[in-house]
Protein backbone atom coordinates (compact mmCIF):
# COMPACT_ATOMS: atom_id res chain seq x y z
CA MET A 1 12.98 -27.32 -5.10
CA ALA A 2 10.73 -28.10 -2.17
CA ASP A 3 8.90 -31.41 -1.71
CA PRO A 4 8.05 -32.65 -5.25
CA LYS A 5 4.76 -33.99 -3.93
CA GLY A 6 4.03 -31.15 -1.54
CA PHE A 7 1.18 -29.72 -3.58
CA LEU A 8 -0.38 -33.20 -3.66
CA ASN A 9 0.08 -33.95 0.02
CA HIS A 10 -0.94 -30.63 1.57
CA GLY A 11 -3.88 -28.31 1.07
CA ARG A 12 -3.69 -24.56 1.34
CA GLU A 13 -3.64 -23.17 4.88
CA VAL A 14 -3.52 -19.47 5.71
CA ALA A 15 -2.83 -17.44 8.82
CA LYS A 16 -5.38 -17.81 11.61
CA SER A 17 -7.26 -14.73 12.73
CA ARG A 18 -8.12 -13.88 16.31
CA PRO A 19 -11.85 -14.12 17.15
CA VAL A 20 -13.78 -11.05 16.06
CA ASP A 21 -15.13 -10.29 19.54
CA VAL A 22 -11.55 -10.34 20.87
CA ARG A 23 -9.77 -8.30 18.22
CA LEU A 24 -12.42 -5.56 18.16
CA LYS A 25 -11.38 -4.71 21.73
CA ASP A 26 -7.87 -3.68 20.69
CA TRP A 27 -5.88 -2.35 17.73
CA ASN A 28 -3.37 -5.16 17.44
CA GLU A 29 -2.90 -7.09 14.21
CA VAL A 30 -5.80 -9.42 13.57
CA TYR A 31 -3.73 -12.58 13.14
CA VAL A 32 -2.82 -15.01 15.90
CA ALA A 33 0.84 -14.41 16.72
CA GLY A 34 3.00 -17.40 15.87
CA SER A 35 0.21 -19.31 14.15
CA LEU A 36 2.00 -19.49 10.80
CA LEU A 37 5.39 -20.92 11.68
CA PRO A 38 4.20 -24.46 12.58
CA ILE A 39 2.51 -24.87 9.19
CA ILE A 40 4.71 -22.76 6.94
CA SER A 41 7.19 -25.48 6.00
CA LYS A 42 4.37 -27.64 4.63
CA GLN A 43 2.87 -24.65 2.84
CA ALA A 44 6.22 -23.77 1.25
CA SER A 45 6.53 -27.37 0.08
CA ARG A 46 3.48 -26.83 -2.15
CA CYS A 47 5.66 -24.69 -4.46
CA MET A 48 6.16 -26.81 -7.59
CA ASP A 49 9.08 -27.25 -9.96
CA CYS A 50 6.90 -25.51 -12.54
CA GLY A 51 9.60 -24.76 -15.13
CA ILE A 52 8.53 -21.16 -15.70
CA PRO A 53 7.68 -19.50 -12.36
CA PHE A 54 4.96 -17.08 -13.43
CA CYS A 55 4.90 -15.76 -9.86
CA HIS A 56 8.10 -13.85 -10.78
CA ASN A 57 6.22 -11.92 -13.43
CA GLY A 58 3.15 -11.48 -11.25
CA CYS A 59 5.34 -9.73 -8.67
CA PRO A 60 6.54 -6.25 -9.71
CA LEU A 61 9.65 -6.78 -7.58
CA GLY A 62 10.49 -10.04 -9.35
CA ASN A 63 10.75 -11.78 -5.99
CA LEU A 64 12.68 -15.06 -6.08
CA ILE A 65 9.69 -16.92 -4.74
CA PRO A 66 10.58 -20.57 -5.56
CA GLU A 67 14.03 -20.06 -4.03
CA TRP A 68 12.86 -18.75 -0.68
CA ASN A 69 10.00 -21.23 -0.63
CA ASP A 70 12.57 -24.00 -0.87
CA TYR A 71 14.64 -22.55 1.96
CA ALA A 72 11.52 -22.11 4.10
CA TYR A 73 10.56 -25.73 3.45
CA ARG A 74 14.02 -26.79 4.66
CA GLU A 75 13.76 -24.31 7.56
CA ASP A 76 16.96 -22.56 6.50
CA TRP A 77 15.61 -19.21 7.62
CA ALA A 78 18.84 -17.22 7.20
CA ALA A 79 19.15 -18.25 3.56
CA ALA A 80 15.45 -17.62 2.98
CA SER A 81 15.82 -14.11 4.40
CA GLU A 82 18.82 -13.40 2.17
CA ARG A 83 16.90 -14.42 -0.95
CA LEU A 84 13.88 -12.42 0.18
CA HIS A 85 15.92 -9.26 0.72
CA ALA A 86 17.69 -9.67 -2.60
CA THR A 87 14.68 -8.11 -4.34
CA ASN A 88 12.60 -6.50 -1.58
CA ASN A 89 13.73 -3.94 0.99
CA PHE A 90 10.66 -4.30 3.19
CA PRO A 91 9.08 -7.78 3.00
CA GLU A 92 7.35 -7.27 6.36
CA PHE A 93 5.33 -4.49 4.68
CA THR A 94 4.39 -6.41 1.54
CA GLY A 95 3.85 -9.63 3.50
CA ARG A 96 1.11 -7.88 5.46
CA LEU A 97 -0.32 -5.37 2.99
CA CYS A 98 0.20 -6.56 -0.58
CA PRO A 99 -2.81 -8.14 -2.37
CA ALA A 100 -0.41 -10.81 -3.63
CA PRO A 101 -0.55 -10.66 -7.44
CA CYS A 102 2.13 -13.36 -7.26
CA GLU A 103 -0.48 -15.81 -5.97
CA SER A 104 -2.82 -14.97 -8.84
CA ALA A 105 0.02 -15.90 -11.20
CA CYS A 106 0.99 -19.10 -9.34
CA VAL A 107 1.03 -22.09 -11.71
CA LEU A 108 -0.61 -24.27 -9.08
CA GLY A 109 -3.45 -21.74 -9.09
CA ILE A 110 -4.56 -22.86 -12.54
CA ASN A 111 -6.64 -25.65 -11.05
CA GLN A 112 -5.88 -25.68 -7.30
CA PRO A 113 -5.64 -23.12 -4.49
CA ALA A 114 -2.39 -21.20 -5.04
CA VAL A 115 0.69 -21.45 -2.85
CA THR A 116 0.41 -19.22 0.23
CA ILE A 117 3.26 -17.03 -1.01
CA LYS A 118 2.33 -14.01 1.08
CA ASN A 119 2.16 -16.00 4.31
CA VAL A 120 5.52 -17.65 3.61
CA GLU A 121 7.03 -14.23 2.94
CA VAL A 122 5.89 -12.69 6.21
CA SER A 123 6.95 -15.79 8.15
CA ILE A 124 10.47 -15.58 6.74
CA ILE A 125 10.95 -11.92 7.57
CA ASP A 126 9.41 -12.17 11.05
CA LYS A 127 11.71 -15.10 11.79
CA ALA A 128 14.66 -13.10 10.45
CA TRP A 129 13.94 -10.20 12.78
CA ASP A 130 13.48 -12.53 15.75
CA SER A 131 16.77 -14.31 14.94
CA GLY A 132 18.78 -11.12 14.47
CA ASP A 133 19.40 -11.80 10.77
CA VAL A 134 18.31 -8.30 9.73
CA GLU A 135 21.26 -5.98 10.27
CA PRO A 136 22.29 -2.56 8.98
CA GLN A 137 24.24 -2.63 5.71
CA ALA A 138 26.32 0.52 5.82
CA PRO A 139 28.33 1.34 2.66
CA GLU A 140 32.05 0.59 2.65
CA ARG A 141 32.85 4.06 1.29
CA LEU A 142 31.01 7.30 0.57
CA SER A 143 30.67 8.75 -2.90
CA GLY A 144 30.65 12.38 -1.82
CA LYS A 145 27.31 12.84 -3.58
CA THR A 146 24.12 13.98 -1.86
CA VAL A 147 20.50 13.03 -2.57
CA ALA A 148 17.23 14.39 -1.21
CA VAL A 149 14.20 12.12 -1.15
CA ILE A 150 10.80 13.82 -0.87
CA GLY A 151 8.36 11.51 0.89
CA SER A 152 8.88 8.62 3.30
CA GLY A 153 6.33 6.13 2.03
CA PRO A 154 7.44 2.78 0.60
CA ALA A 155 8.80 4.31 -2.63
CA GLY A 156 10.80 6.97 -0.82
CA LEU A 157 12.14 4.58 1.80
CA ALA A 158 13.17 2.02 -0.81
CA ALA A 159 14.95 4.65 -2.92
CA ALA A 160 16.67 6.10 0.14
CA GLN A 161 17.90 2.75 1.41
CA GLN A 162 19.26 1.71 -1.98
CA LEU A 163 21.05 5.02 -2.51
CA THR A 164 22.49 5.04 1.01
CA ARG A 165 23.87 1.55 0.52
CA ALA A 166 25.40 2.71 -2.77
CA GLY A 167 27.45 5.21 -0.77
CA HIS A 168 25.52 8.45 -1.27
CA THR A 169 24.52 10.76 1.56
CA VAL A 170 20.72 10.68 1.62
CA ALA A 171 18.22 12.87 3.45
CA VAL A 172 14.51 11.98 3.46
CA TYR A 173 12.06 14.88 3.80
CA GLU A 174 8.62 14.07 5.23
CA ARG A 175 5.90 16.65 5.76
CA ALA A 176 4.21 14.69 8.56
CA ASP A 177 5.56 14.56 12.10
CA ARG A 178 6.70 10.94 11.74
CA VAL A 179 8.36 8.90 9.04
CA GLY A 180 6.32 6.38 7.06
CA GLY A 181 3.92 8.26 4.79
CA LEU A 182 0.72 6.31 4.17
CA LEU A 183 2.29 3.31 5.89
CA ARG A 184 2.27 5.34 9.09
CA TYR A 185 -1.00 7.23 8.93
CA GLY A 186 -3.03 5.58 6.16
CA ILE A 187 -2.74 1.93 7.20
CA PRO A 188 -4.60 1.06 10.43
CA GLU A 189 -2.71 -0.54 13.26
CA PHE A 190 -4.78 -3.72 13.01
CA LYS A 191 -3.42 -4.30 9.49
CA MET A 192 0.20 -3.49 10.32
CA GLU A 193 1.53 -2.49 13.71
CA LYS A 194 3.83 0.50 13.40
CA ARG A 195 6.66 -1.24 15.24
CA HIS A 196 7.49 -2.81 11.87
CA ILE A 197 8.12 0.64 10.41
CA ASN A 198 10.03 1.84 13.45
CA ARG A 199 12.64 -0.91 13.38
CA ARG A 200 13.23 -0.42 9.64
CA ILE A 201 13.77 3.28 10.23
CA GLU A 202 16.31 2.46 12.92
CA GLN A 203 18.08 0.12 10.51
CA MET A 204 18.19 2.88 7.89
CA ARG A 205 19.47 5.43 10.41
CA ALA A 206 22.27 3.01 11.34
CA GLU A 207 23.15 2.69 7.65
CA GLY A 208 23.44 6.47 7.35
CA THR A 209 20.09 7.67 6.00
CA ARG A 210 18.97 10.95 7.53
CA PHE A 211 15.36 11.92 8.15
CA ARG A 212 13.83 15.39 8.24
CA THR A 213 10.22 15.39 9.45
CA GLY A 214 7.74 18.24 9.58
CA ILE A 215 9.11 19.81 6.37
CA GLU A 216 6.89 20.11 3.31
CA ILE A 217 8.83 20.78 0.15
CA GLY A 218 7.15 23.60 -1.74
CA ARG A 219 5.83 25.28 1.39
CA ASP A 220 8.37 25.05 4.23
CA LEU A 221 11.32 24.73 1.87
CA LYS A 222 11.24 25.79 -1.76
CA ALA A 223 11.89 23.05 -4.28
CA THR A 224 14.41 25.24 -6.08
CA ASP A 225 16.39 25.72 -2.87
CA LEU A 226 16.35 21.98 -2.21
CA ARG A 227 17.68 21.37 -5.72
CA LYS A 228 20.60 23.70 -5.06
CA ARG A 229 21.53 21.85 -1.85
CA TYR A 230 21.65 18.35 -3.31
CA ASP A 231 23.22 16.68 -6.32
CA ALA A 232 19.98 14.81 -7.08
CA VAL A 233 16.38 14.67 -5.89
CA VAL A 234 13.88 11.81 -5.81
CA ILE A 235 10.22 12.84 -5.63
CA ALA A 236 8.22 10.12 -3.87
CA ALA A 237 5.45 12.32 -2.52
CA GLY A 238 2.62 9.99 -3.46
CA ALA A 239 -0.73 10.67 -5.11
CA THR A 240 -2.40 12.40 -2.20
CA THR A 241 -5.12 14.41 -3.96
CA ALA A 242 -8.28 12.55 -2.98
CA ARG A 243 -11.18 12.13 -5.38
CA ASP A 244 -14.13 14.13 -4.09
CA LEU A 245 -17.90 13.67 -4.36
CA PRO A 246 -19.50 16.89 -5.66
CA VAL A 247 -23.11 16.30 -4.65
CA PRO A 248 -25.53 18.48 -2.65
CA GLY A 249 -24.78 18.32 1.08
CA ARG A 250 -21.08 17.55 0.67
CA GLU A 251 -20.33 20.56 2.90
CA LEU A 252 -22.20 19.10 5.90
CA LYS A 253 -20.28 18.35 9.06
CA GLY A 254 -19.56 14.66 9.35
CA VAL A 255 -18.57 14.09 5.71
CA TYR A 256 -14.81 13.53 5.47
CA GLN A 257 -12.19 12.18 3.16
CA ALA A 258 -10.83 8.83 4.32
CA MET A 259 -7.41 10.39 4.81
CA GLU A 260 -8.90 12.96 7.15
CA TYR A 261 -10.40 10.16 9.24
CA LEU A 262 -7.86 7.32 9.27
CA PRO A 263 -4.74 9.26 10.38
CA LEU A 264 -6.49 10.49 13.52
CA ALA A 265 -7.17 6.92 14.64
CA ASN A 266 -3.50 6.09 14.09
CA LYS A 267 -2.44 9.16 16.04
CA VAL A 268 -4.38 7.82 19.03
CA GLN A 269 -2.25 4.68 18.84
CA GLU A 270 0.88 6.84 18.65
CA GLY A 271 -0.20 8.56 21.87
CA ASP A 272 -0.99 11.96 20.34
CA PHE A 273 -4.66 11.87 21.36
CA VAL A 274 -6.61 10.18 24.11
CA ALA A 275 -9.59 9.98 21.74
CA PRO A 276 -9.75 10.80 18.03
CA PRO A 277 -11.19 14.20 17.04
CA ILE A 278 -13.31 12.35 14.46
CA THR A 279 -14.88 9.18 15.83
CA ALA A 280 -17.48 6.64 14.75
CA GLU A 281 -18.56 5.89 18.31
CA GLY A 282 -22.33 5.45 18.52
CA LYS A 283 -22.85 6.67 14.95
CA HIS A 284 -24.31 5.21 11.78
CA VAL A 285 -21.29 5.16 9.49
CA VAL A 286 -21.31 5.04 5.69
CA VAL A 287 -18.12 4.37 3.75
CA ILE A 288 -18.24 5.36 0.08
CA GLY A 289 -15.78 3.26 -1.92
CA GLY A 290 -15.31 -0.49 -2.04
CA GLY A 291 -11.52 -0.73 -2.13
CA ASP A 292 -8.87 -1.36 0.51
CA THR A 293 -9.04 2.17 1.91
CA GLY A 294 -12.78 1.73 2.33
CA ALA A 295 -12.18 -1.54 4.17
CA ASP A 296 -9.71 0.26 6.44
CA CYS A 297 -12.45 2.76 7.30
CA VAL A 298 -14.84 -0.11 8.02
CA GLY A 299 -12.43 -1.83 10.42
CA THR A 300 -11.60 1.45 12.13
CA ALA A 301 -15.29 2.30 12.62
CA HIS A 302 -15.93 -1.13 14.15
CA ARG A 303 -13.17 -0.59 16.71
CA GLN A 304 -14.47 2.85 17.59
CA GLY A 305 -17.89 1.42 18.43
CA ALA A 306 -20.03 2.45 15.48
CA ALA A 307 -23.77 1.79 15.74
CA SER A 308 -23.75 0.46 12.16
CA VAL A 309 -21.39 0.41 9.20
CA THR A 310 -22.45 0.41 5.55
CA GLN A 311 -20.00 0.34 2.65
CA LEU A 312 -21.18 1.54 -0.76
CA GLU A 313 -19.69 0.63 -4.12
CA ILE A 314 -20.81 2.03 -7.46
CA MET A 315 -19.65 -1.02 -9.42
CA PRO A 316 -21.43 -4.40 -9.45
CA ARG A 317 -20.29 -7.05 -7.00
CA PRO A 318 -17.33 -8.97 -8.47
CA GLY A 319 -17.59 -12.70 -8.98
CA GLU A 320 -15.90 -15.28 -6.79
CA ASP A 321 -14.24 -16.94 -9.81
CA ARG A 322 -12.17 -15.50 -12.64
CA ALA A 323 -14.14 -13.78 -15.39
CA PRO A 324 -13.44 -15.01 -18.94
CA ASN A 325 -11.66 -11.75 -19.77
CA GLN A 326 -9.34 -12.12 -16.74
CA PRO A 327 -7.64 -15.48 -17.36
CA TRP A 328 -4.72 -16.90 -15.44
CA PRO A 329 -2.11 -15.53 -14.81
CA THR A 330 -3.57 -12.00 -14.81
CA PHE A 331 -4.64 -10.35 -11.58
CA PRO A 332 -8.42 -10.85 -11.46
CA MET A 333 -11.08 -8.67 -9.91
CA LEU A 334 -12.69 -11.02 -7.39
CA TYR A 335 -15.09 -10.65 -4.50
CA LYS A 336 -12.86 -10.21 -1.47
CA VAL A 337 -13.72 -10.50 2.21
CA THR A 338 -11.11 -8.68 4.26
CA SER A 339 -10.64 -8.99 8.01
CA ALA A 340 -12.67 -5.77 8.40
CA HIS A 341 -15.60 -7.28 6.50
CA GLU A 342 -15.49 -10.38 8.70
CA GLU A 343 -16.16 -8.08 11.63
CA GLY A 344 -19.59 -6.98 10.46
CA GLY A 345 -21.33 -4.27 8.50
CA GLU A 346 -23.19 -4.27 5.22
CA ARG A 347 -21.79 -3.98 1.71
CA VAL A 348 -24.03 -2.53 -0.98
CA TYR A 349 -23.07 -2.71 -4.66
CA SER A 350 -24.29 -0.90 -7.79
CA VAL A 351 -25.40 2.24 -5.97
CA SER A 352 -24.57 5.92 -6.37
CA THR A 353 -24.91 8.71 -3.81
CA THR A 354 -27.26 11.47 -5.01
CA HIS A 355 -27.07 13.85 -2.03
CA PHE A 356 -26.65 14.21 1.72
CA GLU A 357 -29.28 15.47 4.15
CA GLY A 358 -28.45 17.20 7.42
CA ASP A 359 -30.10 18.53 10.56
CA GLU A 360 -30.66 22.16 11.46
CA ASP A 361 -27.16 22.40 12.94
CA GLY A 362 -25.51 21.35 9.68
CA ASN A 363 -24.63 17.78 10.72
CA VAL A 364 -25.11 15.01 8.19
CA GLN A 365 -27.94 12.64 9.11
CA TRP A 366 -28.97 10.84 5.92
CA LEU A 367 -27.40 9.67 2.70
CA HIS A 368 -29.64 9.45 -0.37
CA LEU A 369 -28.73 6.93 -3.03
CA SER A 370 -30.08 5.17 -6.08
CA GLU A 371 -29.24 1.92 -7.79
CA VAL A 372 -27.25 2.11 -11.01
CA GLU A 373 -26.62 -0.16 -13.97
CA PHE A 374 -24.58 -0.15 -17.15
CA ILE A 375 -26.57 0.50 -20.31
CA ASP A 376 -24.56 0.53 -23.54
CA GLY A 377 -21.43 0.95 -21.44
CA LYS A 378 -22.77 4.00 -19.62
CA LEU A 379 -23.55 4.06 -15.90
CA THR A 380 -27.23 4.99 -15.50
CA SER A 381 -29.51 5.42 -12.49
CA LYS A 382 -32.42 2.98 -12.25
CA PRO A 383 -35.71 4.86 -11.89
CA GLY A 384 -37.70 4.14 -8.75
CA THR A 385 -34.72 2.85 -6.74
CA GLU A 386 -34.02 6.00 -4.74
CA ARG A 387 -33.84 5.58 -0.97
CA LYS A 388 -32.03 6.99 2.03
CA ILE A 389 -29.97 5.40 4.79
CA PRO A 390 -28.89 6.84 8.16
CA ALA A 391 -25.48 8.46 8.03
CA GLN A 392 -23.97 10.43 10.90
CA LEU A 393 -20.39 9.89 9.73
CA VAL A 394 -19.47 9.51 6.06
CA THR A 395 -15.98 8.73 4.78
CA LEU A 396 -15.05 9.15 1.13
CA ALA A 397 -12.68 6.39 0.04
CA MET A 398 -12.90 6.72 -3.73
CA GLY A 399 -9.22 6.79 -4.58
CA PHE A 400 -6.75 9.50 -5.50
CA THR A 401 -6.34 11.60 -8.63
CA GLY A 402 -2.69 12.63 -8.50
CA THR A 403 0.10 14.32 -6.62
CA ASP A 404 -0.52 17.45 -4.54
CA ARG A 405 -0.58 20.53 -6.79
CA GLU A 406 -1.30 23.04 -4.02
CA ASN A 407 2.05 23.04 -2.25
CA GLY A 408 3.95 24.42 -5.25
CA LEU A 409 6.36 21.49 -5.64
CA VAL A 410 5.44 20.76 -9.27
CA GLU A 411 5.56 24.40 -10.33
CA GLN A 412 8.73 25.27 -8.40
CA PHE A 413 10.66 22.40 -9.97
CA GLY A 414 9.12 23.15 -13.36
CA LEU A 415 7.97 19.57 -13.82
CA GLU A 416 5.99 18.29 -16.77
CA LEU A 417 2.95 16.07 -16.25
CA ASP A 418 1.80 13.14 -18.37
CA GLU A 419 -1.62 12.68 -19.92
CA ARG A 420 -2.93 11.19 -16.65
CA GLY A 421 -1.79 14.15 -14.55
CA ASN A 422 1.15 12.33 -12.98
CA ILE A 423 4.73 13.62 -13.00
CA ALA A 424 6.27 12.55 -16.31
CA ARG A 425 9.56 10.61 -16.36
CA ASP A 426 11.80 8.77 -18.79
CA ALA A 427 13.08 5.18 -18.79
CA ASP A 428 15.45 5.99 -15.90
CA PHE A 429 12.65 7.60 -13.86
CA GLN A 430 14.14 11.05 -14.50
CA THR A 431 11.77 13.98 -14.97
CA ASN A 432 12.23 16.74 -17.54
CA VAL A 433 14.49 18.45 -14.98
CA PRO A 434 18.00 16.90 -15.00
CA GLY A 435 18.82 15.31 -11.67
CA VAL A 436 15.22 15.23 -10.48
CA TYR A 437 13.62 11.78 -10.42
CA VAL A 438 10.18 10.51 -9.50
CA ALA A 439 9.07 7.16 -8.05
CA GLY A 440 5.88 5.62 -6.75
CA ASP A 441 2.37 7.02 -6.95
CA ALA A 442 3.59 10.55 -7.82
CA GLY A 443 4.70 9.25 -11.20
CA ARG A 444 2.63 6.12 -11.57
CA GLY A 445 -0.68 7.16 -10.10
CA GLN A 446 -2.44 5.41 -7.23
CA SER A 447 -1.13 1.86 -7.04
CA LEU A 448 0.10 -0.90 -4.74
CA ILE A 449 2.80 -0.92 -2.09
CA VAL A 450 4.74 -3.55 -4.04
CA TRP A 451 4.81 -1.27 -7.09
CA ALA A 452 5.99 1.62 -4.90
CA ILE A 453 8.95 -0.37 -3.58
CA ALA A 454 9.81 -1.58 -7.08
CA GLU A 455 9.68 1.96 -8.41
CA GLY A 456 11.81 3.27 -5.56
CA ARG A 457 14.47 0.65 -6.26
CA SER A 458 14.43 1.39 -9.98
CA ALA A 459 14.60 5.14 -9.51
CA ALA A 460 17.55 4.66 -7.16
CA ARG A 461 19.44 2.92 -9.97
CA GLY A 462 18.72 5.84 -12.29
CA VAL A 463 19.97 8.33 -9.70
CA ASP A 464 23.07 6.26 -8.98
CA ARG A 465 23.92 6.14 -12.67
CA PHE A 466 23.30 9.89 -13.00
CA LEU A 467 25.70 10.61 -10.13
CA THR A 468 28.45 8.12 -10.92
CA GLY A 469 28.05 7.16 -14.58
CA VAL A 470 27.38 3.52 -13.79
CA SER A 471 25.28 1.58 -11.29
CA GLU A 472 25.28 -1.90 -9.86
CA LEU A 473 21.92 -1.38 -8.18
CA PRO A 474 19.10 -3.59 -9.54
CA ALA A 475 16.25 -2.12 -11.58
CA PRO A 476 13.17 -4.34 -11.17
CA ILE A 477 10.95 -2.36 -13.57
CA ARG A 478 10.68 0.39 -16.15
CA PRO A 479 8.14 3.23 -15.80
CA THR A 480 5.92 1.72 -18.51
CA ASP A 481 5.86 -1.77 -17.00
CA ARG A 482 2.47 -3.08 -15.94
CA SER A 483 3.54 -6.71 -15.42
CA LEU A 484 0.42 -8.88 -15.20
CA MET A 485 -1.57 -6.30 -13.28
CA VAL A 486 -4.79 -5.07 -14.88
């Protein structure tokens, strides 16, 4: 273990952020480069010999957190990287983007600030890349079997890498022009620079994974034809059907889904546009939805020079401490201030949009709302609380309702859906169609990046066993697992 007295001798320290007035002038990651490494050994030493490491259960991947904390404390970075990669294909993604349910389950977190697990994780993998410890792992021999993976988000990439390393010939189909799925076009550059994706893709190419971009299965290539070409298929197409807001004025120009707005900002950073076709510059921006996607819209609007930014949430403001019905080690709903919120704007809770108001040219100008409250478990508008706020750009960030049903993929494969509208699968992640598997949000519903990677790894084991009769690939989870997430 690390220093037995580390949690007594050292308080919690987290990564330092660049000053707001500096980082708003660019799109680079908000954290000060290199600020973690000098303190990370002390932070890793706070990991206790707790007997039962509940962080394992808090993490869907079952990351070996005490082990790599110990190596980080001793500054054995190569060993730390090996332990980190034993359960996680892409720790540089989770280390930047995961909400860290492992920290909520940390035993130290019962009565002290939890171990900075996420910061230790990203420090280990960044050090590994800098030291050349991350190398391609090409298979020793090929199986002669072929697999198609639909979707190149974290679930698809994890499944593809595992199956390639198992010796199968894998092709990843992505409908966008670049590989990465929501990692590429849904996550702003200031949260994760895309160079992290690019070098992983190069590693996977060197291992033998093939990528086919600009091809949407169901439209550009029929699902039935794809099934004939490959011995197995993994569907990791995500849950991309956005929840809409059917209120008067929704049709006005200037009201967009978050995933219509965010990708354009990322495409500017990729060099596709000089300026985004949809911009917040000089506008009063309203973001509807209080989650991470909403926060991404807030940070993007700040960098584009919005006149004001207001984020609306229909639920009450969460507390800053655990509620009685969310005890340790469950993942609690807490009031969270992201880097985007540090940069300004207003957050308004317990409100519901009633309608939009536009000008004579059909451009949105005002958003009308009212306060809401729960009465007998039912969300009810409070009389006399109606008001309007300026809104020249509105982004809808209210989550997703399921996989895309318009491209024909579900119907062409003949897939069954579960009661939640997701693609149904069995304990091996296989759908009702033999040889067709599903991983990530397409089967689970909208969830976290760490769940997507875990599902991709588990589905890969199911595919490997289907193709060869046996598999040595790990299976972190089963489709019904919820771990300690609520």
